[in-house]
Amino acid sequence: MIPIDIWEGLKQSAAVGDFVMPCCRAPAVLKTSINGVPFFAHLSDECATAPETIWHQAGKASVLAALLGMGIEGREEAPGRSPSGDRWEADVLFSANGRTIAIELQRSYQHLRDYLRRQERYAASSVECYWLVRRETFLTLGKATSRLLLKRDFNSTWPAGGIGTGMLPELPVAVLDTNGAQPVMFGGGKATSVPAWLAGVLGGSFQYRGGSWNLG
């Protein structure tokens, strides 16, 4: 294993293209896990050769169908670029009422800093981003966001009213169960349909309250 001091030095000095992923020859970035383990990751967040999962396909199809039913045209795998030149590609992108909105579907583990980095990249591009994730992914993400929320907003002291699901106000996220009758789930064990959730996003009723994102 490369000594951590050398790895950290490489992270600071490496330019895009200096390292590539062996699976698809795409540009790689150097990262360090929460446990201090060095690893390489895809610059564009996903491998170009990885097959799209059934969950991901079904999720995009349900979002696009719901938008169509609302008279809104959605585009899948829509590319864009921030003013600083950072590239992004939204799973689903659409415009309505003067707003541009991206829906990202995240099946597998992703570090919290990558969620926030991608969120900031969308914000810099004047794009709102909402996340739909698998239940297992939501639970893992919640552990990281809860730690940050308690430390940042409550000085590491558990508040009397609790912290809900422990999510962050800057990271709108809900669970997507593509096999469920009410597939979108959020704080308080509540669930709804994809069209109702999207209507809440557009109407402003999908809001952050006390550590949870909810339809209210």
Protein backbone atom coordinates (compact mmCIF):
# COMPACT_ATOMS: atom_id res chain seq x y z
CA MET A 1 0.00 0.00 0.00
CA ILE A 2 1.24 3.52 -0.80
CA PRO A 3 2.18 5.48 2.35
CA ILE A 4 -0.59 7.94 3.18
CA ASP A 5 1.71 10.99 3.06
CA ILE A 6 2.80 10.13 -0.48
CA TRP A 7 -0.82 9.45 -1.47
CA GLU A 8 -1.96 12.82 -0.10
CA GLY A 9 0.83 14.50 -2.02
CA LEU A 10 -0.27 12.79 -5.23
CA LYS A 11 -3.85 13.92 -4.60
CA GLN A 12 -2.67 17.53 -4.50
CA SER A 13 -0.38 17.37 -7.53
CA ALA A 14 -2.21 15.00 -9.93
CA ALA A 15 -3.90 16.50 -12.97
CA VAL A 16 -6.92 15.08 -14.78
CA GLY A 17 -5.68 12.35 -17.11
CA ASP A 18 -2.58 11.44 -15.08
CA PHE A 19 -4.39 8.32 -13.85
CA VAL A 20 -7.07 6.22 -15.59
CA MET A 21 -9.40 3.45 -14.43
CA PRO A 22 -8.40 -0.03 -15.67
CA CYS A 23 -12.03 -0.99 -16.37
CA CYS A 24 -12.82 1.69 -18.94
CA ARG A 25 -9.71 3.89 -19.28
CA ALA A 26 -11.74 6.87 -18.05
CA PRO A 27 -9.97 9.58 -16.00
CA ALA A 28 -9.49 8.60 -12.36
CA VAL A 29 -9.27 10.70 -9.22
CA LEU A 30 -7.37 9.81 -6.06
CA LYS A 31 -9.44 9.57 -2.89
CA THR A 32 -9.10 8.48 0.72
CA SER A 33 -11.87 6.58 2.50
CA ILE A 34 -13.28 7.58 5.88
CA ASN A 35 -11.04 4.85 7.35
CA GLY A 36 -7.93 6.29 5.73
CA VAL A 37 -7.66 3.77 2.88
CA PRO A 38 -6.37 5.19 -0.46
CA PHE A 39 -8.40 4.33 -3.57
CA PHE A 40 -9.10 5.42 -7.14
CA ALA A 41 -12.55 6.53 -8.30
CA HIS A 42 -14.13 7.52 -11.61
CA LEU A 43 -13.98 11.24 -12.31
CA SER A 44 -17.55 11.15 -13.68
CA ASP A 45 -18.82 9.21 -10.61
CA GLU A 46 -19.78 6.06 -12.56
CA CYS A 47 -18.00 3.55 -14.78
CA ALA A 48 -18.78 3.89 -18.48
CA THR A 49 -18.68 0.10 -18.87
CA ALA A 50 -20.94 -0.74 -15.91
CA PRO A 51 -24.32 -2.09 -16.95
CA GLU A 52 -27.25 0.04 -15.85
CA THR A 53 -29.15 -1.73 -13.11
CA ILE A 54 -32.80 -2.73 -13.35
CA TRP A 55 -33.50 -0.44 -10.36
CA HIS A 56 -31.87 2.48 -12.13
CA GLN A 57 -33.70 1.85 -15.39
CA ALA A 58 -37.06 1.41 -13.65
CA GLY A 59 -36.49 4.50 -11.55
CA LYS A 60 -35.72 6.71 -14.51
CA ALA A 61 -38.68 5.30 -16.44
CA SER A 62 -41.06 6.02 -13.55
CA VAL A 63 -39.83 9.60 -13.19
CA LEU A 64 -40.03 10.25 -16.94
CA ALA A 65 -43.52 8.72 -17.13
CA ALA A 66 -44.71 10.82 -14.20
CA LEU A 67 -43.35 13.98 -15.81
CA LEU A 68 -45.02 13.11 -19.10
CA GLY A 69 -48.31 12.67 -17.25
CA MET A 70 -47.84 16.19 -15.87
CA GLY A 71 -47.23 17.58 -19.35
CA ILE A 72 -43.51 18.08 -18.72
CA GLU A 73 -40.79 16.82 -21.02
CA GLY A 74 -37.94 15.15 -19.20
CA ARG A 75 -34.56 14.19 -20.65
CA GLU A 76 -32.44 11.31 -19.42
CA GLU A 77 -28.66 11.30 -19.15
CA ALA A 78 -28.70 15.04 -19.88
CA PRO A 79 -25.21 16.62 -19.88
CA GLY A 80 -24.30 20.05 -18.62
CA ARG A 81 -21.43 22.17 -17.38
CA SER A 82 -21.05 24.59 -14.49
CA PRO A 83 -19.74 28.16 -15.08
CA SER A 84 -16.33 26.98 -13.84
CA GLY A 85 -16.27 24.17 -16.41
CA ASP A 86 -17.22 21.20 -14.21
CA ARG A 87 -19.14 18.64 -16.23
CA TRP A 88 -22.23 16.83 -14.98
CA GLU A 89 -24.81 14.43 -16.38
CA ALA A 90 -28.27 14.28 -14.82
CA ASP A 91 -30.17 10.99 -14.73
CA VAL A 92 -33.32 13.02 -15.47
CA LEU A 93 -33.42 16.74 -16.23
CA PHE A 94 -36.47 18.92 -16.82
CA SER A 95 -37.64 22.53 -16.69
CA ALA A 96 -40.90 23.83 -15.25
CA ASN A 97 -42.11 27.19 -13.99
CA GLY A 98 -38.77 28.82 -14.67
CA ARG A 99 -36.86 26.18 -12.71
CA THR A 100 -34.39 23.58 -13.98
CA ILE A 101 -34.45 20.41 -11.91
CA ALA A 102 -32.27 17.30 -11.91
CA ILE A 103 -33.35 13.97 -10.43
CA GLU A 104 -30.42 11.75 -9.50
CA LEU A 105 -30.93 8.06 -8.77
CA GLN A 106 -28.24 6.54 -6.59
CA ARG A 107 -28.32 2.77 -6.11
CA SER A 108 -24.91 2.06 -4.61
CA TYR A 109 -22.82 3.55 -1.82
CA GLN A 110 -21.48 7.04 -2.38
CA HIS A 111 -19.49 9.04 0.15
CA LEU A 112 -21.32 12.00 1.67
CA ARG A 113 -18.71 14.42 0.35
CA ASP A 114 -19.49 13.24 -3.18
CA TYR A 115 -23.21 13.84 -2.69
CA LEU A 116 -22.41 17.35 -1.48
CA ARG A 117 -19.86 17.98 -4.22
CA ARG A 118 -22.35 16.98 -6.91
CA GLN A 119 -25.04 19.05 -5.21
CA GLU A 120 -22.79 22.11 -5.21
CA ARG A 121 -21.93 21.54 -8.87
CA TYR A 122 -25.62 21.58 -9.77
CA ALA A 123 -26.23 24.68 -7.63
CA ALA A 124 -23.39 26.47 -9.42
CA SER A 125 -25.19 25.64 -12.69
CA SER A 126 -28.51 27.07 -11.37
CA VAL A 127 -29.99 23.56 -11.29
CA GLU A 128 -31.95 22.16 -8.34
CA CYS A 129 -31.11 18.55 -7.56
CA TYR A 130 -33.25 15.97 -5.77
CA TRP A 131 -32.08 12.44 -4.97
CA LEU A 132 -33.86 9.10 -5.05
CA VAL A 133 -31.89 6.27 -3.47
CA ARG A 134 -32.39 2.63 -2.48
CA ARG A 135 -33.41 1.97 1.13
CA GLU A 136 -30.03 0.43 1.97
CA THR A 137 -28.27 3.46 0.50
CA PHE A 138 -30.54 5.81 2.46
CA LEU A 139 -29.71 4.07 5.74
CA THR A 140 -25.98 4.23 5.08
CA LEU A 141 -26.18 7.88 4.01
CA GLY A 142 -28.23 8.69 7.11
CA LYS A 143 -25.42 7.53 9.40
CA ALA A 144 -23.04 10.02 7.80
CA THR A 145 -25.50 12.91 7.62
CA SER A 146 -26.63 12.38 11.23
CA ARG A 147 -23.06 12.66 12.48
CA LEU A 148 -22.53 15.86 10.48
CA LEU A 149 -25.91 17.32 11.47
CA LEU A 150 -25.34 16.75 15.20
CA LYS A 151 -21.80 18.15 15.10
CA ARG A 152 -22.55 21.11 12.85
CA ASP A 153 -26.01 22.26 13.95
CA PHE A 154 -26.36 20.95 17.51
CA ASN A 155 -22.80 21.08 18.85
CA SER A 156 -22.81 17.27 19.21
CA THR A 157 -25.70 17.44 21.69
CA TRP A 158 -28.79 15.37 20.90
CA PRO A 159 -31.77 17.78 20.73
CA ALA A 160 -34.89 17.11 22.78
CA GLY A 161 -37.02 16.83 19.64
CA GLY A 162 -34.65 14.43 17.90
CA ILE A 163 -33.26 14.83 14.38
CA GLY A 164 -35.80 12.90 12.31
CA THR A 165 -34.03 10.79 9.72
CA GLY A 166 -30.88 12.86 10.25
CA MET A 167 -30.74 14.23 6.71
CA LEU A 168 -29.29 17.60 5.73
CA PRO A 169 -31.29 20.66 4.61
CA GLU A 170 -28.98 21.07 1.61
CA LEU A 171 -29.45 17.49 0.39
CA PRO A 172 -33.07 16.65 -0.62
CA VAL A 173 -33.33 12.86 -0.63
CA ALA A 174 -36.02 10.17 -0.53
CA VAL A 175 -36.11 6.40 -0.85
CA LEU A 176 -37.29 4.80 -4.09
CA ASP A 177 -38.66 1.24 -3.97
CA THR A 178 -39.40 0.46 -7.60
CA ASN A 179 -41.53 -2.54 -6.59
CA GLY A 180 -43.66 -0.70 -4.04
CA ALA A 181 -47.27 0.39 -4.48
CA GLN A 182 -46.23 3.74 -2.98
CA PRO A 183 -42.63 3.73 -4.16
CA VAL A 184 -41.30 7.01 -2.76
CA MET A 185 -40.62 6.95 0.99
CA PHE A 186 -39.31 9.66 3.29
CA GLY A 187 -39.37 10.82 6.93
CA GLY A 188 -41.80 9.37 9.43
CA GLY A 189 -42.28 6.19 7.44
CA LYS A 190 -44.54 8.01 4.98
CA ALA A 191 -44.79 7.04 1.32
CA THR A 192 -46.37 8.29 -1.87
CA SER A 193 -46.39 7.85 -5.64
CA VAL A 194 -43.73 9.23 -7.96
CA PRO A 195 -46.19 11.75 -9.53
CA ALA A 196 -47.25 12.98 -6.07
CA TRP A 197 -43.63 13.34 -4.99
CA LEU A 198 -42.74 15.30 -8.13
CA ALA A 199 -45.80 17.49 -7.62
CA GLY A 200 -44.50 18.16 -4.10
CA VAL A 201 -41.10 19.10 -5.47
CA LEU A 202 -42.67 21.50 -7.98
CA GLY A 203 -45.24 22.87 -5.55
CA GLY A 204 -42.83 23.35 -2.67
CA SER A 205 -44.49 20.91 -0.28
CA PHE A 206 -41.52 18.54 -0.29
CA GLN A 207 -39.69 20.37 2.46
CA TYR A 208 -37.06 19.92 5.15
CA ARG A 209 -38.38 19.81 8.71
CA GLY A 210 -36.50 18.76 11.83
CA GLY A 211 -33.94 16.51 10.21
CA SER A 212 -36.23 14.96 7.58
CA TRP A 213 -37.40 15.70 4.08
CA ASN A 214 -41.19 15.26 3.96
CA LEU A 215 -44.28 16.02 1.97
CA GLY A 216 -46.39 18.26 4.15
